Amino acid sequence: AEPRVEVVFVPPGKPLPADAGLVVIPGSKSTIGDLLKFRENGWDRDLLAHRKRGGHVVGICGGFQMLGRAVRDPDGIEGSVTEAEGLGLLDVETVMEPEKTVRNVSARSVPFDLPLEGYEIHLGRTTGPDTLRPSAIINGIEDGAVSADGKVIGTYMHGLFGADGFRAAYLASLGVSGGGVDYRAEVEKALDDIAAELEVNLDCDAIFGLAR
């Protein structure tokens, strides 16, 4: 993690932190269902208050879909509720479609003109005026949307904060000094640490023998 950044996971029943500079709404396996839960927790009101204070928002995949005006699922692909009002922070709408997009991608951030790497795994197609300000170019195709003031970003791309250059530039736009952290090296170190603990505490030879 970036040393000057505190990441807080907000559990159900707790408000979004009033002092947050950035709220990230992650992906979802059931966008409409999770959007309804978001409202049940009062996070829609918290998010609007956050925006009024000048806060930034990033919506990823299902989180991007929630940020629009509406999410529609006319064929009931995700469940029995076929339509829900969105959070209204981006001028877009999403319609769920049967075909699922699953792919690794290399892309470029439009606001920061920096390379990105990640993956897509989603249902639905998002359209609307704010898509004229895309957040990224993926394989030559515009992706996502950005609000007129640049403080709300939506994208279908998971993993964008794993790009060291982009992460440092984005944090700088929030007034936070970032960079200096090699994300891939940190992930490799974490995996090596887990492997070392498993080797100490498990009989790996016996487990491998059972797998043969």
N, C-alpha and C. Protein backbone atom coordinates (compact mmCIF):
# COMPACT_ATOMS: atom_id res chain seq x y z
N ALA A 1 0.84 -1.20 0.00
CA ALA A 1 0.00 0.00 0.00
C ALA A 1 0.88 1.25 0.00
N GLU A 2 0.33 2.31 -0.54
CA GLU A 2 1.04 3.58 -0.52
C GLU A 2 1.16 4.08 0.92
N PRO A 3 2.34 4.51 1.35
CA PRO A 3 2.55 4.86 2.76
C PRO A 3 1.72 6.05 3.24
N ARG A 4 1.31 6.94 2.33
CA ARG A 4 0.54 8.11 2.74
C ARG A 4 -0.96 7.94 2.50
N VAL A 5 -1.36 6.71 2.21
CA VAL A 5 -2.77 6.44 1.91
C VAL A 5 -3.33 5.45 2.93
N GLU A 6 -4.47 5.79 3.50
CA GLU A 6 -5.19 4.86 4.38
C GLU A 6 -6.42 4.36 3.64
N VAL A 7 -6.52 3.04 3.50
CA VAL A 7 -7.67 2.43 2.83
C VAL A 7 -8.61 1.88 3.91
N VAL A 8 -9.86 2.30 3.86
CA VAL A 8 -10.86 1.88 4.84
C VAL A 8 -11.96 1.12 4.12
N PHE A 9 -12.18 -0.14 4.51
CA PHE A 9 -13.30 -0.91 3.99
C PHE A 9 -14.50 -0.65 4.90
N VAL A 10 -15.59 -0.15 4.33
CA VAL A 10 -16.75 0.25 5.13
C VAL A 10 -17.75 -0.91 5.18
N PRO A 11 -18.01 -1.45 6.37
CA PRO A 11 -18.96 -2.57 6.48
C PRO A 11 -20.40 -2.06 6.47
N PRO A 12 -21.35 -2.95 6.19
CA PRO A 12 -22.77 -2.56 6.25
C PRO A 12 -23.12 -1.97 7.61
N GLY A 13 -23.95 -0.94 7.58
CA GLY A 13 -24.39 -0.31 8.82
C GLY A 13 -23.52 0.83 9.29
N LYS A 14 -22.36 1.00 8.65
CA LYS A 14 -21.46 2.09 9.01
C LYS A 14 -21.49 3.15 7.91
N PRO A 15 -21.38 4.44 8.27
CA PRO A 15 -21.40 5.49 7.25
C PRO A 15 -20.08 5.58 6.50
N LEU A 16 -20.13 6.15 5.31
CA LEU A 16 -18.89 6.45 4.60
C LEU A 16 -18.14 7.52 5.37
N PRO A 17 -16.83 7.39 5.55
CA PRO A 17 -16.07 8.37 6.33
C PRO A 17 -16.20 9.78 5.76
N ALA A 18 -16.55 10.72 6.61
CA ALA A 18 -16.76 12.09 6.16
C ALA A 18 -15.47 12.77 5.73
N ASP A 19 -14.32 12.25 6.19
CA ASP A 19 -13.05 12.89 5.85
C ASP A 19 -12.36 12.21 4.67
N ALA A 20 -13.06 11.32 3.97
CA ALA A 20 -12.45 10.62 2.84
C ALA A 20 -12.21 11.58 1.68
N GLY A 21 -11.06 11.45 1.05
CA GLY A 21 -10.80 12.23 -0.16
C GLY A 21 -11.31 11.53 -1.40
N LEU A 22 -11.39 10.20 -1.33
CA LEU A 22 -11.80 9.38 -2.47
C LEU A 22 -12.68 8.24 -1.97
N VAL A 23 -13.78 8.01 -2.67
CA VAL A 23 -14.62 6.84 -2.42
C VAL A 23 -14.54 5.95 -3.66
N VAL A 24 -14.18 4.69 -3.46
CA VAL A 24 -14.11 3.71 -4.55
C VAL A 24 -15.28 2.75 -4.40
N ILE A 25 -16.10 2.64 -5.44
CA ILE A 25 -17.19 1.67 -5.46
C ILE A 25 -16.75 0.52 -6.35
N PRO A 26 -16.53 -0.65 -5.78
CA PRO A 26 -15.94 -1.75 -6.55
C PRO A 26 -16.95 -2.49 -7.40
N GLY A 27 -16.50 -3.59 -8.00
CA GLY A 27 -17.35 -4.39 -8.85
C GLY A 27 -18.42 -5.14 -8.06
N SER A 28 -19.33 -5.77 -8.80
CA SER A 28 -20.47 -6.44 -8.19
C SER A 28 -20.89 -7.61 -9.05
N LYS A 29 -21.36 -8.68 -8.41
CA LYS A 29 -21.93 -9.80 -9.16
C LYS A 29 -23.42 -9.60 -9.42
N SER A 30 -24.01 -8.61 -8.75
CA SER A 30 -25.43 -8.30 -8.93
C SER A 30 -25.61 -6.80 -8.75
N THR A 31 -25.47 -6.07 -9.84
CA THR A 31 -25.41 -4.61 -9.74
C THR A 31 -26.67 -4.02 -9.13
N ILE A 32 -27.84 -4.42 -9.62
CA ILE A 32 -29.08 -3.85 -9.09
C ILE A 32 -29.27 -4.22 -7.63
N GLY A 33 -29.02 -5.48 -7.28
CA GLY A 33 -29.16 -5.91 -5.89
C GLY A 33 -28.23 -5.15 -4.96
N ASP A 34 -26.99 -4.97 -5.38
CA ASP A 34 -26.03 -4.25 -4.54
C ASP A 34 -26.33 -2.76 -4.50
N LEU A 35 -26.88 -2.23 -5.59
CA LEU A 35 -27.29 -0.83 -5.60
C LEU A 35 -28.41 -0.58 -4.59
N LEU A 36 -29.35 -1.51 -4.51
CA LEU A 36 -30.43 -1.39 -3.52
C LEU A 36 -29.88 -1.47 -2.11
N LYS A 37 -28.91 -2.37 -1.88
CA LYS A 37 -28.28 -2.47 -0.56
C LYS A 37 -27.50 -1.20 -0.23
N PHE A 38 -26.87 -0.62 -1.24
CA PHE A 38 -26.13 0.64 -1.07
C PHE A 38 -27.06 1.71 -0.51
N ARG A 39 -28.27 1.78 -1.08
CA ARG A 39 -29.25 2.76 -0.61
C ARG A 39 -29.75 2.41 0.80
N GLU A 40 -29.98 1.12 1.05
CA GLU A 40 -30.46 0.70 2.37
C GLU A 40 -29.51 1.14 3.48
N ASN A 41 -28.23 1.15 3.18
CA ASN A 41 -27.23 1.55 4.17
C ASN A 41 -27.07 3.07 4.28
N GLY A 42 -27.79 3.80 3.44
CA GLY A 42 -27.69 5.26 3.47
C GLY A 42 -26.45 5.80 2.80
N TRP A 43 -25.75 4.92 2.08
CA TRP A 43 -24.50 5.35 1.46
C TRP A 43 -24.74 6.28 0.27
N ASP A 44 -25.94 6.24 -0.32
CA ASP A 44 -26.24 7.17 -1.40
C ASP A 44 -26.22 8.60 -0.88
N ARG A 45 -26.79 8.82 0.31
CA ARG A 45 -26.76 10.16 0.91
C ARG A 45 -25.34 10.55 1.31
N ASP A 46 -24.61 9.59 1.86
CA ASP A 46 -23.22 9.86 2.24
C ASP A 46 -22.39 10.25 1.01
N LEU A 47 -22.65 9.56 -0.10
CA LEU A 47 -21.88 9.81 -1.32
C LEU A 47 -22.18 11.19 -1.89
N LEU A 48 -23.46 11.60 -1.85
CA LEU A 48 -23.81 12.93 -2.32
C LEU A 48 -23.17 14.00 -1.45
N ALA A 49 -23.15 13.77 -0.14
CA ALA A 49 -22.49 14.72 0.77
C ALA A 49 -20.99 14.78 0.49
N HIS A 50 -20.41 13.63 0.21
CA HIS A 50 -18.98 13.56 -0.15
C HIS A 50 -18.71 14.40 -1.40
N ARG A 51 -19.57 14.29 -2.39
CA ARG A 51 -19.39 15.06 -3.63
C ARG A 51 -19.55 16.56 -3.37
N LYS A 52 -20.51 16.92 -2.52
CA LYS A 52 -20.72 18.34 -2.22
C LYS A 52 -19.51 18.94 -1.52
N ARG A 53 -18.76 18.10 -0.80
CA ARG A 53 -17.53 18.56 -0.15
C ARG A 53 -16.36 18.60 -1.12
N GLY A 54 -16.60 18.23 -2.37
CA GLY A 54 -15.53 18.24 -3.36
C GLY A 54 -14.80 16.93 -3.48
N GLY A 55 -15.35 15.86 -2.89
CA GLY A 55 -14.69 14.57 -2.91
C GLY A 55 -14.70 13.90 -4.27
N HIS A 56 -13.75 12.99 -4.45
CA HIS A 56 -13.61 12.24 -5.69
C HIS A 56 -14.26 10.86 -5.55
N VAL A 57 -14.68 10.30 -6.69
CA VAL A 57 -15.32 8.99 -6.71
C VAL A 57 -14.79 8.20 -7.90
N VAL A 58 -14.47 6.93 -7.68
CA VAL A 58 -14.13 6.02 -8.76
C VAL A 58 -15.06 4.81 -8.66
N GLY A 59 -15.75 4.51 -9.76
CA GLY A 59 -16.60 3.33 -9.83
C GLY A 59 -16.00 2.33 -10.81
N ILE A 60 -15.82 1.10 -10.35
CA ILE A 60 -15.19 0.07 -11.17
C ILE A 60 -16.22 -1.00 -11.51
N CYS A 61 -16.41 -1.24 -12.79
CA CYS A 61 -17.30 -2.29 -13.29
C CYS A 61 -18.73 -2.06 -12.78
N GLY A 62 -19.25 -2.92 -11.90
CA GLY A 62 -20.58 -2.71 -11.36
C GLY A 62 -20.70 -1.39 -10.63
N GLY A 63 -19.61 -0.95 -10.00
CA GLY A 63 -19.61 0.35 -9.35
C GLY A 63 -19.78 1.48 -10.34
N PHE A 64 -19.19 1.33 -11.53
CA PHE A 64 -19.38 2.30 -12.61
C PHE A 64 -20.85 2.33 -13.02
N GLN A 65 -21.46 1.16 -13.18
CA GLN A 65 -22.86 1.10 -13.57
C GLN A 65 -23.76 1.79 -12.54
N MET A 66 -23.46 1.60 -11.26
CA MET A 66 -24.26 2.22 -10.20
C MET A 66 -24.19 3.74 -10.23
N LEU A 67 -23.09 4.30 -10.70
CA LEU A 67 -22.91 5.75 -10.70
C LEU A 67 -23.78 6.46 -11.72
N GLY A 68 -24.38 5.73 -12.64
CA GLY A 68 -25.19 6.35 -13.68
C GLY A 68 -26.60 6.71 -13.21
N ARG A 69 -27.43 7.09 -14.18
CA ARG A 69 -28.81 7.48 -13.87
C ARG A 69 -29.70 6.27 -13.60
N ALA A 70 -29.43 5.17 -14.31
CA ALA A 70 -30.30 3.99 -14.16
C ALA A 70 -29.55 2.74 -14.60
N VAL A 71 -29.96 1.61 -14.01
CA VAL A 71 -29.48 0.29 -14.43
C VAL A 71 -30.72 -0.53 -14.78
N ARG A 72 -30.74 -1.07 -16.00
CA ARG A 72 -31.90 -1.83 -16.46
C ARG A 72 -31.48 -3.26 -16.80
N ASP A 73 -32.33 -4.20 -16.43
CA ASP A 73 -32.09 -5.62 -16.68
C ASP A 73 -33.38 -6.22 -17.22
N PRO A 74 -33.77 -5.86 -18.45
CA PRO A 74 -35.09 -6.25 -18.97
C PRO A 74 -35.30 -7.75 -19.06
N ASP A 75 -34.22 -8.52 -19.21
CA ASP A 75 -34.35 -9.98 -19.33
C ASP A 75 -34.18 -10.70 -18.00
N GLY A 76 -34.02 -9.94 -16.91
CA GLY A 76 -33.87 -10.57 -15.60
C GLY A 76 -32.62 -11.42 -15.49
N ILE A 77 -31.54 -11.00 -16.11
CA ILE A 77 -30.31 -11.79 -16.12
C ILE A 77 -29.72 -11.91 -14.72
N GLU A 78 -29.77 -10.82 -13.95
CA GLU A 78 -29.17 -10.83 -12.61
C GLU A 78 -30.18 -11.11 -11.50
N GLY A 79 -31.48 -11.08 -11.82
CA GLY A 79 -32.46 -11.32 -10.77
C GLY A 79 -33.84 -10.82 -11.17
N SER A 80 -34.75 -10.82 -10.20
CA SER A 80 -36.15 -10.49 -10.48
C SER A 80 -36.40 -8.99 -10.60
N VAL A 81 -35.54 -8.17 -10.00
CA VAL A 81 -35.70 -6.72 -10.12
C VAL A 81 -35.08 -6.28 -11.44
N THR A 82 -35.88 -5.68 -12.29
CA THR A 82 -35.42 -5.40 -13.65
C THR A 82 -34.98 -3.96 -13.89
N GLU A 83 -35.11 -3.09 -12.89
CA GLU A 83 -34.69 -1.70 -13.09
C GLU A 83 -34.46 -1.03 -11.74
N ALA A 84 -33.46 -0.18 -11.69
CA ALA A 84 -33.20 0.58 -10.46
C ALA A 84 -32.62 1.94 -10.83
N GLU A 85 -33.02 2.94 -10.07
CA GLU A 85 -32.44 4.27 -10.24
C GLU A 85 -31.00 4.26 -9.77
N GLY A 86 -30.12 4.85 -10.57
CA GLY A 86 -28.71 4.90 -10.20
C GLY A 86 -28.41 6.04 -9.23
N LEU A 87 -27.14 6.19 -8.91
CA LEU A 87 -26.72 7.21 -7.96
C LEU A 87 -26.63 8.59 -8.59
N GLY A 88 -26.66 8.65 -9.92
CA GLY A 88 -26.79 9.92 -10.61
C GLY A 88 -25.55 10.80 -10.64
N LEU A 89 -24.39 10.22 -10.42
CA LEU A 89 -23.16 11.02 -10.45
C LEU A 89 -22.51 11.05 -11.83
N LEU A 90 -22.96 10.17 -12.72
CA LEU A 90 -22.53 10.20 -14.11
C LEU A 90 -23.77 10.17 -15.00
N ASP A 91 -23.71 10.91 -16.10
CA ASP A 91 -24.84 10.98 -17.02
C ASP A 91 -24.75 9.83 -18.02
N VAL A 92 -25.01 8.62 -17.50
CA VAL A 92 -24.99 7.40 -18.31
C VAL A 92 -26.10 6.48 -17.82
N GLU A 93 -26.43 5.49 -18.64
CA GLU A 93 -27.36 4.44 -18.26
C GLU A 93 -26.79 3.10 -18.72
N THR A 94 -27.13 2.05 -17.99
CA THR A 94 -26.63 0.71 -18.31
C THR A 94 -27.79 -0.24 -18.56
N VAL A 95 -27.68 -1.04 -19.60
CA VAL A 95 -28.64 -2.10 -19.90
C VAL A 95 -27.88 -3.42 -19.87
N MET A 96 -28.34 -4.36 -19.04
CA MET A 96 -27.72 -5.67 -18.96
C MET A 96 -28.01 -6.47 -20.23
N GLU A 97 -26.99 -7.18 -20.70
CA GLU A 97 -27.12 -8.00 -21.90
C GLU A 97 -26.55 -9.39 -21.61
N PRO A 98 -27.03 -10.42 -22.31
CA PRO A 98 -26.61 -11.79 -21.99
C PRO A 98 -25.13 -12.06 -22.17
N GLU A 99 -24.52 -11.44 -23.16
CA GLU A 99 -23.11 -11.74 -23.45
C GLU A 99 -22.20 -11.12 -22.40
N LYS A 100 -21.30 -11.94 -21.85
CA LYS A 100 -20.39 -11.48 -20.81
C LYS A 100 -19.01 -11.20 -21.41
N THR A 101 -18.45 -10.05 -21.06
CA THR A 101 -17.10 -9.70 -21.49
C THR A 101 -16.10 -10.18 -20.45
N VAL A 102 -15.16 -11.01 -20.87
CA VAL A 102 -14.10 -11.51 -19.98
C VAL A 102 -12.79 -11.47 -20.76
N ARG A 103 -11.87 -10.60 -20.34
CA ARG A 103 -10.60 -10.51 -21.06
C ARG A 103 -9.57 -9.72 -20.26
N ASN A 104 -8.31 -10.08 -20.46
CA ASN A 104 -7.20 -9.26 -19.97
C ASN A 104 -7.00 -8.11 -20.95
N VAL A 105 -6.65 -6.95 -20.44
CA VAL A 105 -6.53 -5.79 -21.32
C VAL A 105 -5.30 -4.96 -20.98
N SER A 106 -4.77 -4.33 -22.01
CA SER A 106 -3.80 -3.25 -21.85
C SER A 106 -4.50 -1.99 -22.34
N ALA A 107 -4.34 -0.91 -21.61
CA ALA A 107 -5.11 0.29 -21.92
C ALA A 107 -4.28 1.53 -21.64
N ARG A 108 -4.92 2.67 -21.85
CA ARG A 108 -4.28 3.95 -21.55
C ARG A 108 -5.29 4.86 -20.89
N SER A 109 -4.92 5.45 -19.77
CA SER A 109 -5.78 6.40 -19.09
C SER A 109 -5.92 7.66 -19.94
N VAL A 110 -7.14 8.08 -20.18
CA VAL A 110 -7.35 9.31 -20.96
C VAL A 110 -7.04 10.56 -20.13
N PRO A 111 -7.55 10.67 -18.89
CA PRO A 111 -7.26 11.90 -18.13
C PRO A 111 -5.78 12.11 -17.84
N PHE A 112 -5.02 11.01 -17.68
CA PHE A 112 -3.62 11.14 -17.27
C PHE A 112 -2.63 10.71 -18.36
N ASP A 113 -3.13 10.18 -19.47
CA ASP A 113 -2.29 9.75 -20.59
C ASP A 113 -1.16 8.83 -20.12
N LEU A 114 -1.54 7.81 -19.35
CA LEU A 114 -0.57 6.86 -18.81
C LEU A 114 -1.07 5.43 -19.05
N PRO A 115 -0.14 4.47 -19.17
CA PRO A 115 -0.54 3.09 -19.46
C PRO A 115 -1.21 2.41 -18.26
N LEU A 116 -2.11 1.49 -18.59
CA LEU A 116 -2.84 0.70 -17.59
C LEU A 116 -2.83 -0.76 -18.01
N GLU A 117 -2.91 -1.64 -17.04
CA GLU A 117 -3.10 -3.07 -17.31
C GLU A 117 -4.12 -3.61 -16.34
N GLY A 118 -4.97 -4.52 -16.81
CA GLY A 118 -5.96 -5.09 -15.92
C GLY A 118 -6.81 -6.10 -16.65
N TYR A 119 -8.08 -6.18 -16.27
CA TYR A 119 -8.97 -7.13 -16.91
C TYR A 119 -10.41 -6.62 -16.83
N GLU A 120 -11.23 -7.15 -17.72
CA GLU A 120 -12.66 -6.88 -17.71
C GLU A 120 -13.41 -8.18 -17.45
N ILE A 121 -14.47 -8.10 -16.65
CA ILE A 121 -15.37 -9.23 -16.47
C ILE A 121 -16.73 -8.64 -16.08
N HIS A 122 -17.60 -8.49 -17.07
CA HIS A 122 -18.86 -7.80 -16.79
C HIS A 122 -19.94 -8.14 -17.81
N LEU A 123 -21.17 -7.92 -17.38
CA LEU A 123 -22.33 -7.92 -18.25
C LEU A 123 -22.75 -6.47 -18.47
N GLY A 124 -23.44 -6.20 -19.56
CA GLY A 124 -24.06 -4.90 -19.73
C GLY A 124 -23.30 -3.95 -20.63
N ARG A 125 -24.06 -2.98 -21.13
CA ARG A 125 -23.51 -1.94 -22.00
C ARG A 125 -23.94 -0.59 -21.44
N THR A 126 -22.99 0.31 -21.32
CA THR A 126 -23.24 1.63 -20.72
C THR A 126 -23.10 2.71 -21.78
N THR A 127 -24.12 3.56 -21.87
CA THR A 127 -24.12 4.64 -22.85
C THR A 127 -24.59 5.93 -22.18
N GLY A 128 -24.34 7.05 -22.85
CA GLY A 128 -24.80 8.33 -22.33
C GLY A 128 -23.79 9.42 -22.58
N PRO A 129 -24.19 10.68 -22.37
CA PRO A 129 -23.33 11.82 -22.69
C PRO A 129 -21.95 11.78 -22.03
N ASP A 130 -21.85 11.31 -20.79
CA ASP A 130 -20.55 11.34 -20.12
C ASP A 130 -19.56 10.34 -20.70
N THR A 131 -20.04 9.38 -21.51
CA THR A 131 -19.10 8.47 -22.17
C THR A 131 -18.31 9.18 -23.27
N LEU A 132 -18.74 10.40 -23.62
CA LEU A 132 -17.95 11.20 -24.57
C LEU A 132 -16.65 11.68 -23.94
N ARG A 133 -16.57 11.56 -22.60
CA ARG A 133 -15.32 11.79 -21.88
C ARG A 133 -14.88 10.44 -21.31
N PRO A 134 -14.26 9.59 -22.11
CA PRO A 134 -13.89 8.25 -21.64
C PRO A 134 -12.79 8.31 -20.59
N SER A 135 -12.77 7.30 -19.74
CA SER A 135 -11.72 7.23 -18.72
C SER A 135 -10.49 6.50 -19.23
N ALA A 136 -10.67 5.67 -20.27
CA ALA A 136 -9.54 4.91 -20.79
C ALA A 136 -9.79 4.52 -22.24
N ILE A 137 -8.72 4.18 -22.92
CA ILE A 137 -8.80 3.59 -24.25
C ILE A 137 -8.29 2.16 -24.12
N ILE A 138 -9.17 1.19 -24.38
CA ILE A 138 -8.82 -0.23 -24.26
C ILE A 138 -8.84 -0.85 -25.65
N ASN A 139 -7.67 -1.30 -26.10
CA ASN A 139 -7.56 -1.90 -27.43
C ASN A 139 -8.18 -1.01 -28.50
N GLY A 140 -7.94 0.29 -28.39
CA GLY A 140 -8.43 1.24 -29.37
C GLY A 140 -9.88 1.64 -29.20
N ILE A 141 -10.55 1.13 -28.16
CA ILE A 141 -11.97 1.42 -27.93
C ILE A 141 -12.13 2.23 -26.66
N GLU A 142 -12.97 3.25 -26.71
CA GLU A 142 -13.20 4.10 -25.54
C GLU A 142 -13.95 3.32 -24.46
N ASP A 143 -13.53 3.52 -23.22
CA ASP A 143 -14.14 2.82 -22.08
C ASP A 143 -14.49 3.82 -21.00
N GLY A 144 -15.61 3.58 -20.33
CA GLY A 144 -15.93 4.33 -19.13
C GLY A 144 -16.44 5.73 -19.39
N ALA A 145 -16.42 6.54 -18.33
CA ALA A 145 -16.94 7.90 -18.40
C ALA A 145 -16.31 8.73 -17.29
N VAL A 146 -16.26 10.04 -17.53
CA VAL A 146 -15.72 10.98 -16.55
C VAL A 146 -16.69 12.15 -16.44
N SER A 147 -16.94 12.61 -15.22
CA SER A 147 -17.83 13.75 -15.02
C SER A 147 -17.20 15.02 -15.57
N ALA A 148 -18.02 16.05 -15.73
CA ALA A 148 -17.54 17.30 -16.31
C ALA A 148 -16.42 17.93 -15.49
N ASP A 149 -16.46 17.77 -14.15
CA ASP A 149 -15.41 18.37 -13.32
C ASP A 149 -14.22 17.43 -13.12
N GLY A 150 -14.30 16.23 -13.71
CA GLY A 150 -13.19 15.29 -13.64
C GLY A 150 -13.05 14.54 -12.33
N LYS A 151 -13.97 14.76 -11.40
CA LYS A 151 -13.83 14.16 -10.07
C LYS A 151 -14.56 12.82 -9.91
N VAL A 152 -15.37 12.45 -10.89
CA VAL A 152 -16.05 11.15 -10.86
C VAL A 152 -15.61 10.37 -12.09
N ILE A 153 -15.04 9.20 -11.85
CA ILE A 153 -14.53 8.36 -12.94
C ILE A 153 -15.18 6.99 -12.86
N GLY A 154 -15.67 6.52 -13.99
CA GLY A 154 -16.21 5.17 -14.08
C GLY A 154 -15.45 4.39 -15.14
N THR A 155 -15.21 3.11 -14.87
CA THR A 155 -14.50 2.27 -15.83
C THR A 155 -14.92 0.82 -15.66
N TYR A 156 -14.83 0.05 -16.74
CA TYR A 156 -15.07 -1.39 -16.66
C TYR A 156 -13.79 -2.16 -16.36
N MET A 157 -12.69 -1.46 -16.23
CA MET A 157 -11.39 -2.11 -16.08
C MET A 157 -11.01 -2.31 -14.62
N HIS A 158 -10.85 -3.56 -14.23
CA HIS A 158 -10.34 -3.89 -12.90
C HIS A 158 -8.81 -3.80 -12.92
N GLY A 159 -8.23 -3.38 -11.80
CA GLY A 159 -6.78 -3.41 -11.67
C GLY A 159 -6.06 -2.14 -12.05
N LEU A 160 -6.80 -1.06 -12.33
CA LEU A 160 -6.12 0.15 -12.80
C LEU A 160 -5.17 0.74 -11.76
N PHE A 161 -5.47 0.56 -10.46
CA PHE A 161 -4.57 1.12 -9.45
C PHE A 161 -3.31 0.28 -9.26
N GLY A 162 -3.22 -0.83 -9.97
CA GLY A 162 -1.99 -1.61 -9.96
C GLY A 162 -0.91 -1.01 -10.84
N ALA A 163 -1.27 -0.05 -11.68
CA ALA A 163 -0.30 0.62 -12.55
C ALA A 163 0.40 1.72 -11.75
N ASP A 164 1.69 1.55 -11.49
CA ASP A 164 2.40 2.46 -10.58
C ASP A 164 2.36 3.91 -11.03
N GLY A 165 2.58 4.15 -12.33
CA GLY A 165 2.60 5.53 -12.82
C GLY A 165 1.24 6.19 -12.71
N PHE A 166 0.20 5.45 -13.10
CA PHE A 166 -1.16 6.00 -13.00
C PHE A 166 -1.52 6.28 -11.55
N ARG A 167 -1.22 5.32 -10.67
CA ARG A 167 -1.59 5.48 -9.26
C ARG A 167 -0.93 6.73 -8.66
N ALA A 168 0.35 6.93 -8.97
CA ALA A 168 1.06 8.10 -8.46
C ALA A 168 0.45 9.39 -8.99
N ALA A 169 0.11 9.41 -10.29
CA ALA A 169 -0.47 10.61 -10.89
C ALA A 169 -1.86 10.88 -10.33
N TYR A 170 -2.65 9.81 -10.14
CA TYR A 170 -4.00 10.01 -9.61
C TYR A 170 -3.94 10.52 -8.17
N LEU A 171 -3.07 9.94 -7.36
CA LEU A 171 -2.93 10.42 -5.98
C LEU A 171 -2.47 11.87 -5.95
N ALA A 172 -1.58 12.23 -6.86
CA ALA A 172 -1.12 13.62 -6.92
C ALA A 172 -2.27 14.57 -7.23
N SER A 173 -3.24 14.11 -8.04
CA SER A 173 -4.40 14.94 -8.35
C SER A 173 -5.29 15.14 -7.12
N LEU A 174 -5.13 14.26 -6.13
CA LEU A 174 -5.86 14.41 -4.86
C LEU A 174 -5.05 15.18 -3.83
N GLY A 175 -3.85 15.59 -4.23
CA GLY A 175 -2.98 16.30 -3.29
C GLY A 175 -2.18 15.38 -2.39
N VAL A 176 -2.05 14.11 -2.80
CA VAL A 176 -1.33 13.13 -2.00
C VAL A 176 -0.06 12.74 -2.74
N SER A 177 1.06 12.78 -2.05
CA SER A 177 2.33 12.36 -2.64
C SER A 177 2.39 10.85 -2.64
N GLY A 178 2.40 10.26 -3.83
CA GLY A 178 2.45 8.80 -3.95
C GLY A 178 3.63 8.37 -4.79
N GLY A 179 3.63 7.13 -5.18
CA GLY A 179 4.72 6.62 -5.99
C GLY A 179 5.80 6.01 -5.12
N GLY A 180 6.74 5.37 -5.77
CA GLY A 180 7.82 4.72 -5.05
C GLY A 180 7.49 3.31 -4.62
N VAL A 181 6.24 2.89 -4.81
CA VAL A 181 5.83 1.53 -4.47
C VAL A 181 5.72 0.72 -5.76
N ASP A 182 6.44 -0.39 -5.82
CA ASP A 182 6.38 -1.29 -6.97
C ASP A 182 5.29 -2.32 -6.68
N TYR A 183 4.13 -2.13 -7.29
CA TYR A 183 2.97 -2.96 -6.98
C TYR A 183 3.24 -4.44 -7.25
N ARG A 184 3.81 -4.73 -8.41
CA ARG A 184 4.06 -6.13 -8.75
C ARG A 184 5.05 -6.78 -7.78
N ALA A 185 6.07 -6.02 -7.40
CA ALA A 185 7.04 -6.56 -6.45
C ALA A 185 6.38 -6.81 -5.10
N GLU A 186 5.47 -5.92 -4.69
CA GLU A 186 4.76 -6.11 -3.43
C GLU A 186 3.88 -7.36 -3.47
N VAL A 187 3.22 -7.59 -4.60
CA VAL A 187 2.38 -8.78 -4.74
C VAL A 187 3.23 -10.04 -4.69
N GLU A 188 4.35 -10.03 -5.41
CA GLU A 188 5.24 -11.20 -5.42
C GLU A 188 5.77 -11.49 -4.02
N LYS A 189 6.13 -10.44 -3.29
CA LYS A 189 6.63 -10.63 -1.92
C LYS A 189 5.55 -11.23 -1.03
N ALA A 190 4.31 -10.73 -1.16
CA ALA A 190 3.21 -11.26 -0.36
C ALA A 190 2.97 -12.74 -0.66
N LEU A 191 3.04 -13.11 -1.94
CA LEU A 191 2.85 -14.51 -2.32
C LEU A 191 3.98 -15.38 -1.79
N ASP A 192 5.21 -14.86 -1.86
CA ASP A 192 6.36 -15.60 -1.33
C ASP A 192 6.22 -15.80 0.18
N ASP A 193 5.74 -14.78 0.88
CA ASP A 193 5.56 -14.89 2.34
C ASP A 193 4.50 -15.94 2.67
N ILE A 194 3.42 -15.96 1.90
CA ILE A 194 2.37 -16.96 2.13
C ILE A 194 2.92 -18.37 1.87
N ALA A 195 3.66 -18.51 0.76
CA ALA A 195 4.24 -19.81 0.43
C ALA A 195 5.19 -20.29 1.52
N ALA A 196 5.98 -19.37 2.07
CA ALA A 196 6.92 -19.74 3.12
C ALA A 196 6.18 -20.21 4.37
N GLU A 197 5.09 -19.54 4.72
CA GLU A 197 4.30 -19.94 5.89
C GLU A 197 3.66 -21.31 5.67
N LEU A 198 3.16 -21.55 4.46
CA LEU A 198 2.56 -22.85 4.16
C LEU A 198 3.60 -23.97 4.25
N GLU A 199 4.80 -23.68 3.76
CA GLU A 199 5.85 -24.69 3.78
C GLU A 199 6.24 -25.06 5.21
N VAL A 200 6.22 -24.08 6.10
CA VAL A 200 6.58 -24.32 7.50
C VAL A 200 5.48 -25.08 8.23
N ASN A 201 4.22 -24.76 7.93
CA ASN A 201 3.11 -25.27 8.73
C ASN A 201 2.35 -26.43 8.11
N LEU A 202 2.65 -26.78 6.87
CA LEU A 202 1.97 -27.89 6.21
C LEU A 202 2.99 -28.91 5.71
N ASP A 203 2.55 -30.15 5.63
CA ASP A 203 3.38 -31.20 5.03
C ASP A 203 3.12 -31.16 3.53
N CYS A 204 3.84 -30.29 2.85
CA CYS A 204 3.59 -30.06 1.43
C CYS A 204 3.87 -31.31 0.60
N ASP A 205 4.90 -32.10 0.98
CA ASP A 205 5.21 -33.31 0.22
C ASP A 205 4.03 -34.28 0.26
N ALA A 206 3.40 -34.41 1.44
CA ALA A 206 2.24 -35.30 1.56
C ALA A 206 1.07 -34.81 0.72
N ILE A 207 0.85 -33.49 0.74
CA ILE A 207 -0.24 -32.91 -0.05
C ILE A 207 0.00 -33.12 -1.54
N PHE A 208 1.24 -32.87 -1.99
CA PHE A 208 1.56 -33.08 -3.40
C PHE A 208 1.41 -34.55 -3.78
N GLY A 209 1.75 -35.44 -2.82
CA GLY A 209 1.60 -36.86 -3.09
C GLY A 209 0.16 -37.25 -3.30
N LEU A 210 -0.75 -36.67 -2.54
CA LEU A 210 -2.18 -36.95 -2.71
C LEU A 210 -2.70 -36.43 -4.04
N ALA A 211 -2.08 -35.36 -4.52
CA ALA A 211 -2.55 -34.74 -5.76
C ALA A 211 -2.09 -35.51 -6.99
N ARG A 212 -1.09 -36.38 -6.83
CA ARG A 212 -0.57 -37.11 -7.99
C ARG A 212 -1.52 -38.22 -8.42
